[in-house]
Amino acid sequence: MKVSGIRIDHISRSLCALALALAVTSLGVGAAQAAKVKQIQTEAKFLKYDADAKTITVKVLKTGKKPKDKSLKLLRGKKATFRVKPEGSVMTKTVVKSEGRPIDITEVPEKKTITIFWVPDEKVADSRFAKSISLTLTDEEAEARDKARLEAAKAAGKVEDD
């Protein structure tokens, strides 16, 4: 049967294909949202890295948002442990950066202030996984860095002395 020059079986096949595409798309979005867990940002003092256990221990300075799992709640001034993955692809490992540049986790100095972006650990129950760690510069370190950059720029002739 034709309606305005278009066969009805073509319309019904097109509608079925569109419905299937929408169903697949909505399932994909739902699965992506279910898998996506919001990271929690925590500021802490770095205490130690245990290479055998692949964990870091920190003293919490600022807890960040509360996790849904109450057993993962952090307490200000208390020690906390985070599982890390120092090797692997950027998508799966713990990325450690200082001033935006990647560094090895063994290079983080003891008692250094760090910012940890973490999620509940999918592999170990009642545990936290550090997705990324950023070192925080003290005012003195930032001033020393800026001074060194200025001196290097002067030496290269990019900046004139006052």
C-alpha atoms as a PDB file:
ATOM      1  CA  MET A   1       0.000   0.000   0.000  1.00  0.00           C
ATOM      2  CA  LYS A   2       1.232   3.489  -0.848  1.00  0.00           C
ATOM      3  CA  VAL A   3       0.549   6.725   0.992  1.00  0.00           C
ATOM      4  CA  SER A   4       1.657   9.850  -0.899  1.00  0.00           C
ATOM      5  CA  GLY A   5       4.073   7.819  -2.992  1.00  0.00           C
ATOM      6  CA  ILE A   6       5.774   6.118  -0.006  1.00  0.00           C
ATOM      7  CA  ARG A   7       5.192   2.494   0.767  1.00  0.00           C
ATOM      8  CA  ILE A   8       3.926   1.771   4.299  1.00  0.00           C
ATOM      9  CA  ASP A   9       6.367  -1.118   4.796  1.00  0.00           C
ATOM     10  CA  HIS A  10       9.271   1.328   4.205  1.00  0.00           C
ATOM     11  CA  ILE A  11       7.820   3.680   6.818  1.00  0.00           C
ATOM     12  CA  SER A  12       7.376   0.911   9.368  1.00  0.00           C
ATOM     13  CA  ARG A  13      10.929  -0.364   8.796  1.00  0.00           C
ATOM     14  CA  SER A  14      12.280   3.170   9.184  1.00  0.00           C
ATOM     15  CA  LEU A  15      10.300   3.669  12.396  1.00  0.00           C
ATOM     16  CA  CYS A  16      11.554   0.349  13.773  1.00  0.00           C
ATOM     17  CA  ALA A  17      15.156   1.281  12.939  1.00  0.00           C
ATOM     18  CA  LEU A  18      14.721   4.687  14.586  1.00  0.00           C
ATOM     19  CA  ALA A  19      13.191   3.117  17.704  1.00  0.00           C
ATOM     20  CA  LEU A  20      16.044   0.605  17.909  1.00  0.00           C
ATOM     21  CA  ALA A  21      18.660   3.365  17.513  1.00  0.00           C
ATOM     22  CA  LEU A  22      17.026   5.409  20.272  1.00  0.00           C
ATOM     23  CA  ALA A  23      16.853   2.382  22.576  1.00  0.00           C
ATOM     24  CA  VAL A  24      20.523   1.540  22.039  1.00  0.00           C
ATOM     25  CA  THR A  25      21.546   5.171  22.552  1.00  0.00           C
ATOM     26  CA  SER A  26      19.560   5.512  25.763  1.00  0.00           C
ATOM     27  CA  LEU A  27      21.002   2.233  27.100  1.00  0.00           C
ATOM     28  CA  GLY A  28      24.518   3.457  26.338  1.00  0.00           C
ATOM     29  CA  VAL A  29      23.917   6.770  28.107  1.00  0.00           C
ATOM     30  CA  GLY A  30      22.415   5.009  31.124  1.00  0.00           C
ATOM     31  CA  ALA A  31      25.346   2.608  31.360  1.00  0.00           C
ATOM     32  CA  ALA A  32      27.836   5.455  31.039  1.00  0.00           C
ATOM     33  CA  GLN A  33      26.093   7.423  33.779  1.00  0.00           C
ATOM     34  CA  ALA A  34      25.943   4.375  36.047  1.00  0.00           C
ATOM     35  CA  ALA A  35      29.663   3.729  35.557  1.00  0.00           C
ATOM     36  CA  LYS A  36      30.595   7.373  36.091  1.00  0.00           C
ATOM     37  CA  VAL A  37      31.413   8.062  39.727  1.00  0.00           C
ATOM     38  CA  LYS A  38      32.141  11.599  40.835  1.00  0.00           C
ATOM     39  CA  GLN A  39      35.645  12.176  42.096  1.00  0.00           C
ATOM     40  CA  ILE A  40      36.180  13.643  45.533  1.00  0.00           C
ATOM     41  CA  GLN A  41      38.897  16.247  45.996  1.00  0.00           C
ATOM     42  CA  THR A  42      40.874  16.013  49.233  1.00  0.00           C
ATOM     43  CA  GLU A  43      43.824  18.076  50.444  1.00  0.00           C
ATOM     44  CA  ALA A  44      46.371  16.254  52.595  1.00  0.00           C
ATOM     45  CA  LYS A  45      49.967  15.972  53.783  1.00  0.00           C
ATOM     46  CA  PHE A  46      51.795  13.112  52.091  1.00  0.00           C
ATOM     47  CA  LEU A  47      53.210  10.705  54.688  1.00  0.00           C
ATOM     48  CA  LYS A  48      54.401   7.623  52.804  1.00  0.00           C
ATOM     49  CA  TYR A  49      54.152   5.438  49.729  1.00  0.00           C
ATOM     50  CA  ASP A  50      54.099   1.657  50.177  1.00  0.00           C
ATOM     51  CA  ALA A  51      55.319   0.178  46.873  1.00  0.00           C
ATOM     52  CA  ASP A  52      54.480  -3.411  47.884  1.00  0.00           C
ATOM     53  CA  ALA A  53      50.879  -2.657  48.901  1.00  0.00           C
ATOM     54  CA  LYS A  54      50.558   0.062  46.231  1.00  0.00           C
ATOM     55  CA  THR A  55      49.065   2.513  48.714  1.00  0.00           C
ATOM     56  CA  ILE A  56      49.773   5.991  49.997  1.00  0.00           C
ATOM     57  CA  THR A  57      49.153   7.198  53.515  1.00  0.00           C
ATOM     58  CA  VAL A  58      48.266  10.827  54.124  1.00  0.00           C
ATOM     59  CA  LYS A  59      47.108  13.122  56.910  1.00  0.00           C
ATOM     60  CA  VAL A  60      43.861  14.782  55.834  1.00  0.00           C
ATOM     61  CA  LEU A  61      43.775  18.610  55.833  1.00  0.00           C
ATOM     62  CA  LYS A  62      40.505  19.199  53.919  1.00  0.00           C
ATOM     63  CA  THR A  63      38.109  16.293  53.403  1.00  0.00           C
ATOM     64  CA  GLY A  64      36.141  17.463  50.386  1.00  0.00           C
ATOM     65  CA  LYS A  65      32.645  16.185  49.696  1.00  0.00           C
ATOM     66  CA  LYS A  66      31.284  13.257  51.667  1.00  0.00           C
ATOM     67  CA  PRO A  67      31.286   9.931  49.821  1.00  0.00           C
ATOM     68  CA  LYS A  68      28.038   7.983  49.472  1.00  0.00           C
ATOM     69  CA  ASP A  69      29.679   5.040  51.245  1.00  0.00           C
ATOM     70  CA  LYS A  70      29.947   6.132  54.896  1.00  0.00           C
ATOM     71  CA  SER A  71      32.867   3.740  55.520  1.00  0.00           C
ATOM     72  CA  LEU A  72      35.015   5.865  53.166  1.00  0.00           C
ATOM     73  CA  LYS A  73      34.390   9.128  55.026  1.00  0.00           C
ATOM     74  CA  LEU A  74      37.549  11.078  55.799  1.00  0.00           C
ATOM     75  CA  LEU A  75      38.239  12.932  59.033  1.00  0.00           C
ATOM     76  CA  ARG A  76      40.256  16.135  59.185  1.00  0.00           C
ATOM     77  CA  GLY A  77      43.561  15.674  61.002  1.00  0.00           C
ATOM     78  CA  LYS A  78      43.425  11.860  60.741  1.00  0.00           C
ATOM     79  CA  LYS A  79      45.437   9.450  58.614  1.00  0.00           C
ATOM     80  CA  ALA A  80      43.875   7.912  55.523  1.00  0.00           C
ATOM     81  CA  THR A  81      45.030   5.336  53.007  1.00  0.00           C
ATOM     82  CA  PHE A  82      44.448   5.383  49.259  1.00  0.00           C
ATOM     83  CA  ARG A  83      45.203   2.625  46.787  1.00  0.00           C
ATOM     84  CA  VAL A  84      47.293   3.787  43.827  1.00  0.00           C
ATOM     85  CA  LYS A  85      48.270   2.264  40.503  1.00  0.00           C
ATOM     86  CA  PRO A  86      51.662   3.757  39.588  1.00  0.00           C
ATOM     87  CA  GLU A  87      51.927   2.056  36.182  1.00  0.00           C
ATOM     88  CA  GLY A  88      49.722   1.440  33.180  1.00  0.00           C
ATOM     89  CA  SER A  89      47.831   3.609  30.750  1.00  0.00           C
ATOM     90  CA  VAL A  90      46.851   7.169  31.595  1.00  0.00           C
ATOM     91  CA  MET A  91      43.211   6.057  31.743  1.00  0.00           C
ATOM     92  CA  THR A  92      43.787   3.461  34.480  1.00  0.00           C
ATOM     93  CA  LYS A  93      46.823   4.530  36.486  1.00  0.00           C
ATOM     94  CA  THR A  94      47.181   7.129  39.224  1.00  0.00           C
ATOM     95  CA  VAL A  95      48.543  10.258  37.573  1.00  0.00           C
ATOM     96  CA  VAL A  96      50.967  12.240  39.756  1.00  0.00           C
ATOM     97  CA  LYS A  97      51.830  15.802  38.740  1.00  0.00           C
ATOM     98  CA  SER A  98      53.959  18.642  39.985  1.00  0.00           C
ATOM     99  CA  GLU A  99      53.253  22.010  38.352  1.00  0.00           C
ATOM    100  CA  GLY A 100      51.298  20.247  35.627  1.00  0.00           C
ATOM    101  CA  ARG A 101      54.157  17.907  34.709  1.00  0.00           C
ATOM    102  CA  PRO A 102      53.994  14.164  35.349  1.00  0.00           C
ATOM    103  CA  ILE A 103      56.329  12.798  38.011  1.00  0.00           C
ATOM    104  CA  ASP A 104      56.848   9.389  39.577  1.00  0.00           C
ATOM    105  CA  ILE A 105      55.005   8.730  42.826  1.00  0.00           C
ATOM    106  CA  THR A 106      58.340   7.957  44.507  1.00  0.00           C
ATOM    107  CA  GLU A 107      59.375  11.592  43.896  1.00  0.00           C
ATOM    108  CA  VAL A 108      56.702  13.011  46.231  1.00  0.00           C
ATOM    109  CA  PRO A 109      58.500  14.338  49.327  1.00  0.00           C
ATOM    110  CA  GLU A 110      57.305  13.387  52.778  1.00  0.00           C
ATOM    111  CA  LYS A 111      55.014  15.972  54.437  1.00  0.00           C
ATOM    112  CA  LYS A 112      54.353  17.639  51.069  1.00  0.00           C
ATOM    113  CA  THR A 113      50.867  19.131  50.698  1.00  0.00           C
ATOM    114  CA  ILE A 114      48.999  17.336  47.928  1.00  0.00           C
ATOM    115  CA  THR A 115      45.557  17.340  46.371  1.00  0.00           C
ATOM    116  CA  ILE A 116      44.078  13.893  45.764  1.00  0.00           C
ATOM    117  CA  PHE A 117      41.215  13.243  43.365  1.00  0.00           C
ATOM    118  CA  TRP A 118      39.764   9.896  44.422  1.00  0.00           C
ATOM    119  CA  VAL A 119      36.816   7.552  43.975  1.00  0.00           C
ATOM    120  CA  PRO A 120      35.572   4.505  45.866  1.00  0.00           C
ATOM    121  CA  ASP A 121      37.773   1.585  44.818  1.00  0.00           C
ATOM    122  CA  GLU A 122      36.008  -0.799  42.426  1.00  0.00           C
ATOM    123  CA  LYS A 123      38.474  -3.617  43.110  1.00  0.00           C
ATOM    124  CA  VAL A 124      38.838  -3.475  46.904  1.00  0.00           C
ATOM    125  CA  ALA A 125      35.727  -3.014  49.063  1.00  0.00           C
ATOM    126  CA  ASP A 126      35.737  -0.221  51.665  1.00  0.00           C
ATOM    127  CA  SER A 127      38.801   1.306  50.054  1.00  0.00           C
ATOM    128  CA  ARG A 128      39.659   4.530  48.199  1.00  0.00           C
ATOM    129  CA  PHE A 129      41.425   4.745  44.832  1.00  0.00           C
ATOM    130  CA  ALA A 130      43.505   7.842  44.028  1.00  0.00           C
ATOM    131  CA  LYS A 131      42.913   8.689  40.351  1.00  0.00           C
ATOM    132  CA  SER A 132      45.306  11.638  40.430  1.00  0.00           C
ATOM    133  CA  ILE A 133      47.614  13.449  42.809  1.00  0.00           C
ATOM    134  CA  SER A 134      48.842  17.027  42.411  1.00  0.00           C
ATOM    135  CA  LEU A 135      51.603  18.564  44.477  1.00  0.00           C
ATOM    136  CA  THR A 136      50.784  21.953  45.969  1.00  0.00           C
ATOM    137  CA  LEU A 137      53.516  24.592  46.009  1.00  0.00           C
ATOM    138  CA  THR A 138      54.076  26.608  49.166  1.00  0.00           C
ATOM    139  CA  ASP A 139      54.349  30.385  48.785  1.00  0.00           C
ATOM    140  CA  GLU A 140      58.133  30.119  49.181  1.00  0.00           C
ATOM    141  CA  GLU A 141      58.369  27.411  46.510  1.00  0.00           C
ATOM    142  CA  ALA A 142      56.224  29.448  44.106  1.00  0.00           C
ATOM    143  CA  GLU A 143      58.388  32.549  44.702  1.00  0.00           C
ATOM    144  CA  ALA A 144      61.594  30.551  44.147  1.00  0.00           C
ATOM    145  CA  ARG A 145      60.148  29.066  40.941  1.00  0.00           C
ATOM    146  CA  ASP A 146      59.102  32.494  39.662  1.00  0.00           C
ATOM    147  CA  LYS A 147      62.494  33.976  40.537  1.00  0.00           C
ATOM    148  CA  ALA A 148      64.301  31.161  38.707  1.00  0.00           C
ATOM    149  CA  ARG A 149      62.079  31.633  35.650  1.00  0.00           C
ATOM    150  CA  LEU A 150      62.739  35.385  35.657  1.00  0.00           C
ATOM    151  CA  GLU A 151      66.507  34.833  35.910  1.00  0.00           C
ATOM    152  CA  ALA A 152      66.377  32.323  33.046  1.00  0.00           C
ATOM    153  CA  ALA A 153      64.388  34.787  30.921  1.00  0.00           C
ATOM    154  CA  LYS A 154      66.910  37.535  31.682  1.00  0.00           C
ATOM    155  CA  ALA A 155      69.804  35.241  30.794  1.00  0.00           C
ATOM    156  CA  ALA A 156      68.118  34.381  27.498  1.00  0.00           C
ATOM    157  CA  GLY A 157      67.636  38.094  26.737  1.00  0.00           C
ATOM    158  CA  LYS A 158      63.848  37.869  26.790  1.00  0.00           C
ATOM    159  CA  VAL A 159      63.500  40.273  29.725  1.00  0.00           C
ATOM    160  CA  GLU A 160      65.535  43.372  30.459  1.00  0.00           C
ATOM    161  CA  ASP A 161      66.901  44.290  33.903  1.00  0.00           C
ATOM    162  CA  ASP A 162      65.212  47.216  35.613  1.00  0.00           C
END
